[in-house]
C-alpha atoms as a PDB file:
ATOM      1  CA  MET A   1      29.447 -47.564  -7.349  1.00  0.00           C
ATOM      2  CA  SER A   2      25.667 -47.881  -7.742  1.00  0.00           C
ATOM      3  CA  GLU A   3      24.344 -51.320  -8.729  1.00  0.00           C
ATOM      4  CA  ASP A   4      21.225 -49.761 -10.280  1.00  0.00           C
ATOM      5  CA  ILE A   5      21.109 -50.753 -13.979  1.00  0.00           C
ATOM      6  CA  SER A   6      18.560 -48.071 -14.892  1.00  0.00           C
ATOM      7  CA  PRO A   7      21.198 -45.838 -16.574  1.00  0.00           C
ATOM      8  CA  ALA A   8      22.123 -48.708 -18.904  1.00  0.00           C
ATOM      9  CA  MET A   9      18.498 -48.931 -20.076  1.00  0.00           C
ATOM     10  CA  GLU A  10      17.826 -45.218 -20.349  1.00  0.00           C
ATOM     11  CA  GLY A  11      16.431 -44.388 -23.777  1.00  0.00           C
ATOM     12  CA  TRP A  12      16.246 -48.069 -24.699  1.00  0.00           C
ATOM     13  CA  GLU A  13      12.590 -49.061 -24.561  1.00  0.00           C
ATOM     14  CA  TYR A  14      11.438 -52.670 -24.406  1.00  0.00           C
ATOM     15  CA  ARG A  15       9.623 -53.816 -27.560  1.00  0.00           C
ATOM     16  CA  PRO A  16       7.421 -56.897 -26.958  1.00  0.00           C
ATOM     17  CA  ASP A  17       6.961 -57.287 -30.733  1.00  0.00           C
ATOM     18  CA  LYS A  18      10.640 -57.194 -31.603  1.00  0.00           C
ATOM     19  CA  VAL A  19      13.998 -58.523 -30.403  1.00  0.00           C
ATOM     20  CA  THR A  20      16.258 -55.569 -29.686  1.00  0.00           C
ATOM     21  CA  ALA A  21      19.929 -55.957 -28.873  1.00  0.00           C
ATOM     22  CA  ARG A  22      23.229 -54.103 -28.969  1.00  0.00           C
ATOM     23  CA  LYS A  23      26.946 -54.780 -28.789  1.00  0.00           C
ATOM     24  CA  ILE A  24      29.054 -53.100 -26.123  1.00  0.00           C
ATOM     25  CA  LYS A  25      32.646 -53.274 -24.943  1.00  0.00           C
ATOM     26  CA  GLY A  26      33.078 -54.911 -21.564  1.00  0.00           C
ATOM     27  CA  ARG A  27      35.524 -53.758 -18.932  1.00  0.00           C
ATOM     28  CA  ASN A  28      37.930 -56.385 -20.213  1.00  0.00           C
ATOM     29  CA  GLY A  29      37.782 -54.823 -23.686  1.00  0.00           C
ATOM     30  CA  LYS A  30      35.882 -57.764 -25.177  1.00  0.00           C
ATOM     31  CA  ASP A  31      32.575 -57.513 -27.038  1.00  0.00           C
ATOM     32  CA  LYS A  32      29.418 -58.315 -25.130  1.00  0.00           C
ATOM     33  CA  ILE A  33      25.838 -58.651 -26.343  1.00  0.00           C
ATOM     34  CA  GLN A  34      22.952 -57.054 -24.496  1.00  0.00           C
ATOM     35  CA  MET A  35      19.325 -58.022 -25.155  1.00  0.00           C
ATOM     36  CA  ARG A  36      16.522 -55.779 -23.891  1.00  0.00           C
ATOM     37  CA  ILE A  37      13.896 -57.729 -21.973  1.00  0.00           C
ATOM     38  CA  GLU A  38      10.778 -56.561 -20.174  1.00  0.00           C
ATOM     39  CA  LEU A  39      12.305 -56.171 -16.722  1.00  0.00           C
ATOM     40  CA  GLY A  40      15.816 -55.192 -17.702  1.00  0.00           C
ATOM     41  CA  LEU A  41      18.435 -56.709 -19.952  1.00  0.00           C
ATOM     42  CA  LEU A  42      20.437 -59.853 -20.574  1.00  0.00           C
ATOM     43  CA  GLN A  43      24.166 -59.499 -21.028  1.00  0.00           C
ATOM     44  CA  MET A  44      26.067 -62.221 -22.839  1.00  0.00           C
ATOM     45  CA  GLU A  45      29.584 -62.878 -24.017  1.00  0.00           C
ATOM     46  CA  ALA A  46      29.975 -62.491 -27.783  1.00  0.00           C
ATOM     47  CA  GLU A  47      32.220 -65.591 -27.985  1.00  0.00           C
ATOM     48  CA  GLY A  48      32.210 -68.912 -26.173  1.00  0.00           C
ATOM     49  CA  ARG A  49      29.433 -69.832 -23.794  1.00  0.00           C
ATOM     50  CA  PRO A  50      27.103 -66.814 -23.398  1.00  0.00           C
ATOM     51  CA  ASP A  51      27.429 -66.667 -19.595  1.00  0.00           C
ATOM     52  CA  GLY A  52      31.236 -66.784 -19.844  1.00  0.00           C
ATOM     53  CA  LYS A  53      31.512 -69.958 -17.780  1.00  0.00           C
ATOM     54  CA  ARG A  54      33.366 -73.131 -18.703  1.00  0.00           C
ATOM     55  CA  SER A  55      32.284 -76.710 -18.043  1.00  0.00           C
ATOM     56  CA  TYR A  56      34.802 -79.243 -16.814  1.00  0.00           C
ATOM     57  CA  GLY A  57      37.580 -77.318 -18.564  1.00  0.00           C
ATOM     58  CA  LYS A  58      35.678 -77.191 -21.843  1.00  0.00           C
ATOM     59  CA  GLU A  59      34.156 -74.162 -23.585  1.00  0.00           C
ATOM     60  CA  SER A  60      30.659 -75.537 -23.044  1.00  0.00           C
ATOM     61  CA  LEU A  61      28.752 -78.426 -21.535  1.00  0.00           C
ATOM     62  CA  LEU A  62      28.112 -79.703 -25.055  1.00  0.00           C
ATOM     63  CA  ASP A  63      31.864 -79.866 -25.716  1.00  0.00           C
ATOM     64  CA  TYR A  64      32.321 -81.759 -22.463  1.00  0.00           C
ATOM     65  CA  HIS A  65      29.713 -84.394 -23.361  1.00  0.00           C
ATOM     66  CA  LEU A  66      31.081 -84.719 -26.903  1.00  0.00           C
ATOM     67  CA  SER A  67      34.518 -85.424 -25.412  1.00  0.00           C
ATOM     68  CA  ARG A  68      32.901 -87.980 -23.065  1.00  0.00           C
ATOM     69  CA  LEU A  69      31.327 -89.633 -26.083  1.00  0.00           C
ATOM     70  CA  GLU A  70      34.677 -89.836 -27.898  1.00  0.00           C
ATOM     71  CA  GLN A  71      36.362 -91.308 -24.811  1.00  0.00           C
ATOM     72  CA  TYR A  72      33.549 -93.873 -24.472  1.00  0.00           C
ATOM     73  CA  LYS A  73      33.888 -94.828 -28.137  1.00  0.00           C
ATOM     74  CA  THR A  74      37.664 -95.198 -27.764  1.00  0.00           C
ATOM     75  CA  SER A  75      37.259 -97.422 -24.686  1.00  0.00           C
ATOM     76  CA  HIS A  76      34.363 -99.562 -25.939  1.00  0.00           C
ATOM     77  CA  GLY A  77      34.890 -99.497 -29.688  1.00  0.00           C
ATOM     78  CA  THR A  78      31.313 -98.310 -30.112  1.00  0.00           C
ATOM     79  CA  THR A  79      28.942 -95.609 -28.843  1.00  0.00           C
ATOM     80  CA  ARG A  80      26.327 -98.224 -27.984  1.00  0.00           C
ATOM     81  CA  GLY A  81      25.492 -97.965 -24.303  1.00  0.00           C
ATOM     82  CA  PHE A  82      26.484 -94.316 -23.973  1.00  0.00           C
ATOM     83  CA  GLU A  83      23.736 -92.326 -22.233  1.00  0.00           C
ATOM     84  CA  LEU A  84      22.897 -88.820 -21.119  1.00  0.00           C
ATOM     85  CA  SER A  85      21.196 -88.779 -17.731  1.00  0.00           C
ATOM     86  CA  LYS A  86      18.165 -86.697 -16.766  1.00  0.00           C
ATOM     87  CA  SER A  87      20.491 -84.155 -15.144  1.00  0.00           C
ATOM     88  CA  ASP A  88      22.735 -84.086 -18.230  1.00  0.00           C
ATOM     89  CA  CYS A  89      19.767 -83.343 -20.486  1.00  0.00           C
ATOM     90  CA  GLU A  90      18.348 -80.663 -18.210  1.00  0.00           C
ATOM     91  CA  LYS A  91      21.675 -78.827 -18.063  1.00  0.00           C
ATOM     92  CA  LEU A  92      22.202 -79.141 -21.819  1.00  0.00           C
ATOM     93  CA  TYR A  93      18.744 -77.675 -22.330  1.00  0.00           C
ATOM     94  CA  GLU A  94      19.523 -74.733 -20.050  1.00  0.00           C
ATOM     95  CA  GLU A  95      22.764 -74.149 -21.943  1.00  0.00           C
ATOM     96  CA  ALA A  96      20.964 -74.294 -25.295  1.00  0.00           C
ATOM     97  CA  VAL A  97      18.581 -71.571 -24.093  1.00  0.00           C
ATOM     98  CA  GLN A  98      21.573 -69.287 -23.517  1.00  0.00           C
ATOM     99  CA  TYR A  99      22.714 -69.775 -27.110  1.00  0.00           C
ATOM    100  CA  TYR A 100      19.130 -69.265 -28.295  1.00  0.00           C
ATOM    101  CA  HIS A 101      19.000 -65.824 -26.678  1.00  0.00           C
ATOM    102  CA  ARG A 102      22.337 -64.947 -28.202  1.00  0.00           C
ATOM    103  CA  TYR A 103      21.532 -66.014 -31.749  1.00  0.00           C
ATOM    104  CA  LEU A 104      18.241 -64.089 -31.599  1.00  0.00           C
ATOM    105  CA  SER A 105      20.205 -61.023 -30.504  1.00  0.00           C
ATOM    106  CA  LEU A 106      22.832 -61.536 -33.194  1.00  0.00           C
ATOM    107  CA  PHE A 107      20.135 -61.905 -35.843  1.00  0.00           C
ATOM    108  CA  SER A 108      18.642 -58.548 -34.833  1.00  0.00           C
ATOM    109  CA  LEU A 109      22.153 -57.062 -35.117  1.00  0.00           C
ATOM    110  CA  LYS A 110      22.588 -58.648 -38.581  1.00  0.00           C
ATOM    111  CA  ASP A 111      25.581 -60.630 -37.346  1.00  0.00           C
ATOM    112  CA  TYR A 112      24.553 -63.575 -39.483  1.00  0.00           C
ATOM    113  CA  ARG A 113      27.831 -65.484 -39.151  1.00  0.00           C
ATOM    114  CA  GLY A 114      27.352 -65.471 -35.390  1.00  0.00           C
ATOM    115  CA  VAL A 115      23.830 -66.796 -35.899  1.00  0.00           C
ATOM    116  CA  ILE A 116      25.144 -69.636 -38.066  1.00  0.00           C
ATOM    117  CA  ARG A 117      27.768 -70.492 -35.443  1.00  0.00           C
ATOM    118  CA  ASP A 118      25.264 -70.633 -32.571  1.00  0.00           C
ATOM    119  CA  THR A 119      22.478 -72.417 -34.472  1.00  0.00           C
ATOM    120  CA  ASP A 120      24.941 -75.038 -35.756  1.00  0.00           C
ATOM    121  CA  ARG A 121      26.048 -75.484 -32.164  1.00  0.00           C
ATOM    122  CA  ASN A 122      22.484 -75.915 -30.876  1.00  0.00           C
ATOM    123  CA  LEU A 123      21.690 -78.403 -33.635  1.00  0.00           C
ATOM    124  CA  ARG A 124      24.650 -80.497 -32.460  1.00  0.00           C
ATOM    125  CA  ALA A 125      23.349 -80.334 -28.881  1.00  0.00           C
ATOM    126  CA  HIS A 126      19.834 -81.311 -29.911  1.00  0.00           C
ATOM    127  CA  ASN A 127      21.062 -84.193 -32.067  1.00  0.00           C
ATOM    128  CA  LEU A 128      23.244 -85.453 -29.220  1.00  0.00           C
ATOM    129  CA  VAL A 129      20.251 -85.581 -26.874  1.00  0.00           C
ATOM    130  CA  LEU A 130      17.996 -87.175 -29.505  1.00  0.00           C
ATOM    131  CA  ARG A 131      20.501 -89.966 -29.921  1.00  0.00           C
ATOM    132  CA  TYR A 132      21.696 -90.580 -26.382  1.00  0.00           C
ATOM    133  CA  ALA A 133      19.114 -89.347 -23.856  1.00  0.00           C
ATOM    134  CA  ALA A 134      18.173 -92.113 -21.444  1.00  0.00           C
ATOM    135  CA  ASP A 135      14.711 -90.594 -20.971  1.00  0.00           C
ATOM    136  CA  GLU A 136      12.395 -90.245 -24.002  1.00  0.00           C
ATOM    137  CA  ARG A 137      10.794 -87.130 -22.488  1.00  0.00           C
ATOM    138  CA  TYR A 138      13.980 -85.169 -23.075  1.00  0.00           C
ATOM    139  CA  LYS A 139      14.163 -86.309 -26.678  1.00  0.00           C
ATOM    140  CA  THR A 140      10.679 -84.869 -27.164  1.00  0.00           C
ATOM    141  CA  ALA A 141      11.614 -81.614 -25.432  1.00  0.00           C
ATOM    142  CA  PHE A 142      14.602 -81.091 -27.719  1.00  0.00           C
ATOM    143  CA  THR A 143      12.879 -82.316 -30.895  1.00  0.00           C
ATOM    144  CA  ARG A 144      10.283 -79.560 -31.019  1.00  0.00           C
ATOM    145  CA  HIS A 145      12.941 -76.859 -31.403  1.00  0.00           C
ATOM    146  CA  ILE A 146      14.831 -78.334 -34.359  1.00  0.00           C
ATOM    147  CA  PRO A 147      12.674 -76.874 -37.191  1.00  0.00           C
ATOM    148  CA  TYR A 148      13.054 -73.383 -35.706  1.00  0.00           C
ATOM    149  CA  ILE A 149      16.835 -73.717 -35.383  1.00  0.00           C
ATOM    150  CA  ILE A 150      17.122 -74.935 -38.986  1.00  0.00           C
ATOM    151  CA  MET A 151      14.992 -71.980 -40.105  1.00  0.00           C
ATOM    152  CA  MET A 152      17.182 -69.427 -38.320  1.00  0.00           C
ATOM    153  CA  ASN A 153      20.348 -71.099 -39.608  1.00  0.00           C
ATOM    154  CA  THR A 154      18.963 -71.025 -43.150  1.00  0.00           C
ATOM    155  CA  LYS A 155      17.856 -67.402 -42.954  1.00  0.00           C
ATOM    156  CA  ALA A 156      21.298 -66.320 -41.769  1.00  0.00           C
ATOM    157  CA  LYS A 157      23.006 -68.123 -44.670  1.00  0.00           C
ATOM    158  CA  ALA A 158      20.561 -66.747 -47.238  1.00  0.00           C
ATOM    159  CA  LEU A 159      20.855 -63.198 -45.924  1.00  0.00           C
ATOM    160  CA  ILE A 160      24.639 -63.323 -46.180  1.00  0.00           C
ATOM    161  CA  SER A 161      24.251 -64.352 -49.824  1.00  0.00           C
ATOM    162  CA  LEU A 162      21.703 -61.598 -50.321  1.00  0.00           C
ATOM    163  CA  GLU A 163      24.137 -59.007 -48.943  1.00  0.00           C
ATOM    164  CA  LYS A 164      26.576 -60.182 -51.619  1.00  0.00           C
ATOM    165  CA  LYS A 165      23.802 -59.919 -54.248  1.00  0.00           C
ATOM    166  CA  ASP A 166      24.178 -63.633 -54.945  1.00  0.00           C
ATOM    167  CA  TYR A 167      20.440 -64.080 -55.415  1.00  0.00           C
ATOM    168  CA  GLU A 168      20.606 -67.535 -56.927  1.00  0.00           C
ATOM    169  CA  LYS A 169      22.626 -68.920 -54.006  1.00  0.00           C
ATOM    170  CA  ALA A 170      20.284 -67.262 -51.498  1.00  0.00           C
ATOM    171  CA  LEU A 171      17.295 -68.877 -53.163  1.00  0.00           C
ATOM    172  CA  LYS A 172      19.006 -72.279 -53.206  1.00  0.00           C
ATOM    173  CA  GLN A 173      19.724 -71.937 -49.498  1.00  0.00           C
ATOM    174  CA  THR A 174      16.100 -71.163 -48.607  1.00  0.00           C
ATOM    175  CA  LYS A 175      14.918 -74.161 -50.603  1.00  0.00           C
ATOM    176  CA  LEU A 176      17.524 -76.399 -48.980  1.00  0.00           C
ATOM    177  CA  GLY A 177      16.370 -75.181 -45.554  1.00  0.00           C
ATOM    178  CA  MET A 178      12.761 -76.042 -46.375  1.00  0.00           C
ATOM    179  CA  GLU A 179      13.874 -79.483 -47.503  1.00  0.00           C
ATOM    180  CA  ARG A 180      15.885 -80.010 -44.298  1.00  0.00           C
ATOM    181  CA  ILE A 181      12.817 -79.244 -42.199  1.00  0.00           C
ATOM    182  CA  ASP A 182      10.641 -81.474 -44.377  1.00  0.00           C
ATOM    183  CA  ASP A 183      13.219 -84.276 -44.121  1.00  0.00           C
ATOM    184  CA  PHE A 184      13.204 -83.862 -40.345  1.00  0.00           C
ATOM    185  CA  PHE A 185       9.429 -84.312 -40.185  1.00  0.00           C
ATOM    186  CA  GLN A 186       9.745 -87.308 -42.525  1.00  0.00           C
ATOM    187  CA  SER A 187      12.280 -88.867 -40.138  1.00  0.00           C
ATOM    188  CA  LEU A 188       9.655 -88.652 -37.394  1.00  0.00           C
ATOM    189  CA  ASP A 189       6.998 -90.181 -39.679  1.00  0.00           C
ATOM    190  CA  GLN A 190       5.098 -86.898 -39.377  1.00  0.00           C
ATOM    191  CA  SER A 191       5.297 -85.630 -42.954  1.00  0.00           C
ATOM    192  CA  GLU A 192       1.891 -83.947 -42.546  1.00  0.00           C
ATOM    193  CA  LEU A 193       3.528 -81.373 -40.258  1.00  0.00           C
ATOM    194  CA  SER A 194       5.387 -79.908 -43.248  1.00  0.00           C
ATOM    195  CA  LYS A 195       2.116 -78.525 -44.613  1.00  0.00           C
ATOM    196  CA  GLU A 196       1.436 -76.525 -41.455  1.00  0.00           C
ATOM    197  CA  SER A 197       5.022 -75.678 -40.513  1.00  0.00           C
ATOM    198  CA  GLU A 198       5.444 -71.997 -39.674  1.00  0.00           C
ATOM    199  CA  GLU A 199       9.177 -72.376 -40.217  1.00  0.00           C
ATOM    200  CA  ILE A 200       8.753 -73.649 -43.791  1.00  0.00           C
ATOM    201  CA  GLU A 201       6.236 -70.881 -44.493  1.00  0.00           C
ATOM    202  CA  SER A 202       8.666 -68.270 -43.145  1.00  0.00           C
ATOM    203  CA  LEU A 203      11.402 -69.559 -45.469  1.00  0.00           C
ATOM    204  CA  ARG A 204       8.938 -69.598 -48.358  1.00  0.00           C
ATOM    205  CA  GLU A 205       8.207 -65.936 -47.681  1.00  0.00           C
ATOM    206  CA  LEU A 206      11.944 -65.170 -47.631  1.00  0.00           C
ATOM    207  CA  ALA A 207      12.319 -66.923 -50.992  1.00  0.00           C
ATOM    208  CA  GLY A 208       9.547 -64.697 -52.333  1.00  0.00           C
ATOM    209  CA  GLU A 209      11.381 -61.602 -51.113  1.00  0.00           C
ATOM    210  CA  ILE A 210      14.562 -62.797 -52.813  1.00  0.00           C
ATOM    211  CA  ARG A 211      12.731 -63.279 -56.115  1.00  0.00           C
ATOM    212  CA  LYS A 212      11.353 -59.756 -55.874  1.00  0.00           C
ATOM    213  CA  LYS A 213      14.837 -58.334 -55.481  1.00  0.00           C
ATOM    214  CA  LYS A 214      16.094 -60.083 -58.596  1.00  0.00           C
ATOM    215  CA  PRO A 215      13.568 -62.283 -60.358  1.00  0.00           C
ATOM    216  CA  LEU A 216      15.171 -65.361 -61.840  1.00  0.00           C
ATOM    217  CA  THR A 217      14.514 -66.389 -65.399  1.00  0.00           C
ATOM    218  CA  HIS A 218      12.501 -69.548 -65.987  1.00  0.00           C
ATOM    219  CA  LEU A 219      15.703 -71.260 -67.137  1.00  0.00           C
ATOM    220  CA  GLU A 220      17.507 -70.312 -63.912  1.00  0.00           C
ATOM    221  CA  GLU A 221      14.653 -71.699 -61.813  1.00  0.00           C
ATOM    222  CA  LEU A 222      14.668 -74.938 -63.804  1.00  0.00           C
ATOM    223  CA  ASN A 223      18.413 -75.332 -63.254  1.00  0.00           C
ATOM    224  CA  ILE A 224      17.964 -74.830 -59.507  1.00  0.00           C
ATOM    225  CA  GLU A 225      15.188 -77.439 -59.465  1.00  0.00           C
ATOM    226  CA  LEU A 226      17.401 -79.810 -61.458  1.00  0.00           C
ATOM    227  CA  GLU A 227      20.267 -79.496 -58.960  1.00  0.00           C
ATOM    228  CA  GLU A 228      17.885 -80.188 -56.095  1.00  0.00           C
ATOM    229  CA  ALA A 229      16.352 -83.205 -57.875  1.00  0.00           C
ATOM    230  CA  VAL A 230      19.832 -84.682 -58.425  1.00  0.00           C
ATOM    231  CA  ARG A 231      20.798 -84.000 -54.803  1.00  0.00           C
ATOM    232  CA  ARG A 232      17.677 -85.820 -53.610  1.00  0.00           C
ATOM    233  CA  GLU A 233      18.327 -88.638 -56.131  1.00  0.00           C
ATOM    234  CA  ASN A 234      14.942 -88.075 -57.762  1.00  0.00           C
ATOM    235  CA  PHE A 235      16.226 -89.189 -61.158  1.00  0.00           C
ATOM    236  CA  GLU A 236      12.839 -89.320 -62.857  1.00  0.00           C
ATOM    237  CA  GLU A 237      12.201 -85.668 -62.012  1.00  0.00           C
ATOM    238  CA  ALA A 238      15.779 -84.776 -62.993  1.00  0.00           C
ATOM    239  CA  ALA A 239      15.292 -86.373 -66.425  1.00  0.00           C
ATOM    240  CA  ARG A 240      12.054 -84.444 -66.955  1.00  0.00           C
ATOM    241  CA  LEU A 241      13.737 -81.168 -65.989  1.00  0.00           C
ATOM    242  CA  ARG A 242      16.690 -81.815 -68.327  1.00  0.00           C
ATOM    243  CA  ASP A 243      14.276 -82.316 -71.212  1.00  0.00           C
ATOM    244  CA  GLU A 244      12.429 -79.121 -70.349  1.00  0.00           C
ATOM    245  CA  ILE A 245      15.744 -77.200 -70.123  1.00  0.00           C
ATOM    246  CA  LYS A 246      16.893 -78.513 -73.524  1.00  0.00           C
ATOM    247  CA  GLU A 247      13.571 -77.579 -75.081  1.00  0.00           C
ATOM    248  CA  LEU A 248      13.733 -74.081 -73.611  1.00  0.00           C
ATOM    249  CA  GLN A 249      17.354 -73.593 -74.706  1.00  0.00           C
ATOM    250  CA  ALA A 250      16.492 -74.742 -78.239  1.00  0.00           C
ATOM    251  CA  LYS A 251      13.800 -72.063 -78.471  1.00  0.00           C
ATOM    252  CA  ASN A 252      16.272 -69.412 -77.412  1.00  0.00           C
END
């Protein structure tokens, strides 16, 4: 059998401006994801670790290190002192890249639940490194990707709601995603980055698209803002919004 992959790419042109992917059935009957890249294609498993490998008997390297952490906590009564070595961080980063390629592919295929699964997974990996990496350089390397992962996770959730025509929930989810990114920058004492965040702007644009599909009434928007103010424990703003809602309802 020829090892030339040209037939698999025939009629499937590479688009540098767009992620293009497809689902196929593997020889074992399981779904696989293929992403078109400039010099060929990437093929990934649809479930589990994208390359199909296991790490120390676990589904992924992340799962292995999470089990190590639990064992350490059981033995020491605390997680203090637990560390991820340089090699650990490098391999976790390489693994996260695999999931990144898959969730980009799944997003292009509108498999939003798969996107949520893989972005949640990468957020856990990034948070693990931020907390336990022995070398600060690796914390920095992982940190810069978190706003993007939150954005993709948020978009997937909002688009699922949009498919169900639950416009109010979709809008709440985009706003929550923007707040999560803003909170992340606040945690780094870099709140100024929120103003220039491409991820926040992208979610703001999605919120605008949602409003165009089914514009909310002023009362609906006020109720959404009230829920968010209560969630953030901004009680002064919540009180102001309640007064505005009562006034509006009295007029109607």
